[in-house]
């Protein structure tokens, strides 16, 4: 019997912006991105599902679940950007797929 393990990677919004994963956060200048932390975690027991949470100055703001297959479908349909956190942040679909592949599947 295998144990469900959750893997978590942590980035600042600045790092995700440099990697071209994060496009923008509504109402927040890029100079303040260092104050926003993102945790991307595998959803326990659900293959291909990731929980993304954001913290601003240490306070948890939002959490969203992203399904890898849905990202691939958006990529297939030619969608380049996707809004998360009730439309307050915009991410690049291709860059997020690349990051998830590299960090979670690339071993």
C-alpha atoms as a PDB file:
ATOM      1  CA  UNK A   1       0.000   0.000   0.000  1.00  0.00           C
ATOM      2  CA  UNK A   2       1.475   3.345  -1.020  1.00  0.00           C
ATOM      3  CA  UNK A   3       1.220   6.430   1.089  1.00  0.00           C
ATOM      4  CA  UNK A   4      -0.206   9.605  -0.473  1.00  0.00           C
ATOM      5  CA  UNK A   5       2.484  12.249  -0.427  1.00  0.00           C
ATOM      6  CA  UNK A   6       1.920  15.898  -1.085  1.00  0.00           C
ATOM      7  CA  UNK A   7       4.734  17.718  -2.846  1.00  0.00           C
ATOM      8  CA  UNK A   8       4.852  21.490  -2.436  1.00  0.00           C
ATOM      9  CA  UNK A   9       6.929  24.008  -4.369  1.00  0.00           C
ATOM     10  CA  UNK A  10       7.122  27.612  -3.224  1.00  0.00           C
ATOM     11  CA  UNK A  11       7.692  30.733  -5.312  1.00  0.00           C
ATOM     12  CA  UNK A  12       7.345  34.451  -4.879  1.00  0.00           C
ATOM     13  CA  UNK A  13       5.195  36.230  -7.435  1.00  0.00           C
ATOM     14  CA  UNK A  14       8.434  37.898  -8.616  1.00  0.00           C
ATOM     15  CA  UNK A  15       9.953  34.496  -9.422  1.00  0.00           C
ATOM     16  CA  UNK A  16       6.838  33.348 -11.277  1.00  0.00           C
ATOM     17  CA  UNK A  17       6.757  36.664 -13.143  1.00  0.00           C
ATOM     18  CA  UNK A  18      10.404  36.207 -14.222  1.00  0.00           C
ATOM     19  CA  UNK A  19       9.594  32.662 -15.355  1.00  0.00           C
ATOM     20  CA  UNK A  20       6.709  34.135 -17.390  1.00  0.00           C
ATOM     21  CA  UNK A  21       4.173  31.965 -15.511  1.00  0.00           C
ATOM     22  CA  UNK A  22       2.519  34.917 -13.781  1.00  0.00           C
ATOM     23  CA  UNK A  23       1.357  37.642 -16.153  1.00  0.00           C
ATOM     24  CA  UNK A  24      -0.237  40.063 -13.699  1.00  0.00           C
ATOM     25  CA  UNK A  25      -2.039  40.532 -10.397  1.00  0.00           C
ATOM     26  CA  UNK A  26      -4.862  43.072 -10.502  1.00  0.00           C
ATOM     27  CA  UNK A  27      -4.102  46.208  -8.542  1.00  0.00           C
ATOM     28  CA  UNK A  28      -0.563  45.183  -7.589  1.00  0.00           C
ATOM     29  CA  UNK A  29       2.542  46.732  -9.097  1.00  0.00           C
ATOM     30  CA  UNK A  30       5.296  44.283 -10.059  1.00  0.00           C
ATOM     31  CA  UNK A  31       7.605  45.951  -7.529  1.00  0.00           C
ATOM     32  CA  UNK A  32       5.375  44.491  -4.759  1.00  0.00           C
ATOM     33  CA  UNK A  33       5.362  40.959  -6.190  1.00  0.00           C
ATOM     34  CA  UNK A  34       8.105  39.976  -3.716  1.00  0.00           C
ATOM     35  CA  UNK A  35       5.457  40.261  -0.969  1.00  0.00           C
ATOM     36  CA  UNK A  36       3.233  37.623  -2.584  1.00  0.00           C
ATOM     37  CA  UNK A  37       4.074  33.954  -2.053  1.00  0.00           C
ATOM     38  CA  UNK A  38       2.631  31.084  -4.057  1.00  0.00           C
ATOM     39  CA  UNK A  39       2.525  27.453  -2.933  1.00  0.00           C
ATOM     40  CA  UNK A  40       1.856  24.883  -5.635  1.00  0.00           C
ATOM     41  CA  UNK A  41       1.038  21.470  -4.205  1.00  0.00           C
ATOM     42  CA  UNK A  42      -0.073  18.127  -5.518  1.00  0.00           C
ATOM     43  CA  UNK A  43      -3.591  17.379  -4.355  1.00  0.00           C
ATOM     44  CA  UNK A  44      -3.356  14.388  -2.035  1.00  0.00           C
ATOM     45  CA  UNK A  45      -4.538  11.226  -3.749  1.00  0.00           C
ATOM     46  CA  UNK A  46      -5.588  12.972  -6.995  1.00  0.00           C
ATOM     47  CA  UNK A  47      -3.129  12.493  -9.848  1.00  0.00           C
ATOM     48  CA  UNK A  48      -2.753  15.522 -12.112  1.00  0.00           C
ATOM     49  CA  UNK A  49      -4.487  17.948  -9.757  1.00  0.00           C
ATOM     50  CA  UNK A  50      -2.679  20.849  -8.113  1.00  0.00           C
ATOM     51  CA  UNK A  51      -3.678  23.253  -5.364  1.00  0.00           C
ATOM     52  CA  UNK A  52      -2.288  26.764  -5.815  1.00  0.00           C
ATOM     53  CA  UNK A  53      -2.489  29.116  -2.869  1.00  0.00           C
ATOM     54  CA  UNK A  54      -1.365  32.720  -2.538  1.00  0.00           C
ATOM     55  CA  UNK A  55      -0.245  34.650   0.513  1.00  0.00           C
ATOM     56  CA  UNK A  56       0.213  38.398   0.704  1.00  0.00           C
ATOM     57  CA  UNK A  57       2.504  39.551   3.512  1.00  0.00           C
ATOM     58  CA  UNK A  58       2.010  36.163   5.182  1.00  0.00           C
ATOM     59  CA  UNK A  59      -1.805  36.189   5.081  1.00  0.00           C
ATOM     60  CA  UNK A  60      -3.435  33.441   3.008  1.00  0.00           C
ATOM     61  CA  UNK A  61      -5.537  35.155   0.376  1.00  0.00           C
ATOM     62  CA  UNK A  62      -6.778  32.581  -2.085  1.00  0.00           C
ATOM     63  CA  UNK A  63      -6.614  28.927  -3.056  1.00  0.00           C
ATOM     64  CA  UNK A  64      -7.498  27.413  -6.395  1.00  0.00           C
ATOM     65  CA  UNK A  65      -7.375  23.868  -7.758  1.00  0.00           C
ATOM     66  CA  UNK A  66      -5.947  23.365 -11.236  1.00  0.00           C
ATOM     67  CA  UNK A  67      -6.334  20.133 -13.205  1.00  0.00           C
ATOM     68  CA  UNK A  68      -3.386  19.405 -15.488  1.00  0.00           C
ATOM     69  CA  UNK A  69      -5.647  17.875 -18.155  1.00  0.00           C
ATOM     70  CA  UNK A  70      -7.679  21.117 -18.226  1.00  0.00           C
ATOM     71  CA  UNK A  71      -4.478  23.096 -18.840  1.00  0.00           C
ATOM     72  CA  UNK A  72      -3.597  20.784 -21.725  1.00  0.00           C
ATOM     73  CA  UNK A  73      -7.094  21.279 -23.159  1.00  0.00           C
ATOM     74  CA  UNK A  74      -6.700  25.072 -22.968  1.00  0.00           C
ATOM     75  CA  UNK A  75      -3.308  24.768 -24.677  1.00  0.00           C
ATOM     76  CA  UNK A  76      -4.871  22.619 -27.421  1.00  0.00           C
ATOM     77  CA  UNK A  77      -7.583  25.233 -27.917  1.00  0.00           C
ATOM     78  CA  UNK A  78      -4.941  27.938 -28.298  1.00  0.00           C
ATOM     79  CA  UNK A  79      -5.751  29.725 -25.028  1.00  0.00           C
ATOM     80  CA  UNK A  80      -2.545  31.436 -23.874  1.00  0.00           C
ATOM     81  CA  UNK A  81      -3.667  33.048 -20.608  1.00  0.00           C
ATOM     82  CA  UNK A  82      -6.004  31.999 -17.831  1.00  0.00           C
ATOM     83  CA  UNK A  83      -7.413  33.947 -14.904  1.00  0.00           C
ATOM     84  CA  UNK A  84      -7.250  32.438 -11.431  1.00  0.00           C
ATOM     85  CA  UNK A  85      -8.247  33.613  -7.958  1.00  0.00           C
ATOM     86  CA  UNK A  86     -11.616  34.924  -9.135  1.00  0.00           C
ATOM     87  CA  UNK A  87      -9.974  36.833 -11.976  1.00  0.00           C
ATOM     88  CA  UNK A  88      -7.497  38.706  -9.796  1.00  0.00           C
ATOM     89  CA  UNK A  89      -4.407  37.023 -11.256  1.00  0.00           C
ATOM     90  CA  UNK A  90      -3.520  36.034 -14.794  1.00  0.00           C
ATOM     91  CA  UNK A  91      -1.178  33.175 -15.665  1.00  0.00           C
ATOM     92  CA  UNK A  92       0.410  31.969 -18.886  1.00  0.00           C
ATOM     93  CA  UNK A  93      -0.993  28.505 -19.639  1.00  0.00           C
ATOM     94  CA  UNK A  94       2.053  27.204 -21.577  1.00  0.00           C
ATOM     95  CA  UNK A  95       4.518  28.418 -18.948  1.00  0.00           C
ATOM     96  CA  UNK A  96       2.491  26.847 -16.124  1.00  0.00           C
ATOM     97  CA  UNK A  97       2.356  23.521 -17.999  1.00  0.00           C
ATOM     98  CA  UNK A  98       6.136  23.693 -18.487  1.00  0.00           C
ATOM     99  CA  UNK A  99       6.719  24.477 -14.791  1.00  0.00           C
ATOM    100  CA  UNK A 100       4.421  21.675 -13.567  1.00  0.00           C
ATOM    101  CA  UNK A 101       6.029  19.197 -15.973  1.00  0.00           C
ATOM    102  CA  UNK A 102       9.526  20.163 -14.860  1.00  0.00           C
ATOM    103  CA  UNK A 103       8.854  20.207 -11.114  1.00  0.00           C
ATOM    104  CA  UNK A 104       6.375  17.359 -10.689  1.00  0.00           C
ATOM    105  CA  UNK A 105       6.825  15.005 -13.636  1.00  0.00           C
ATOM    106  CA  UNK A 106      10.405  15.579 -14.801  1.00  0.00           C
ATOM    107  CA  UNK A 107      12.242  13.145 -12.550  1.00  0.00           C
END
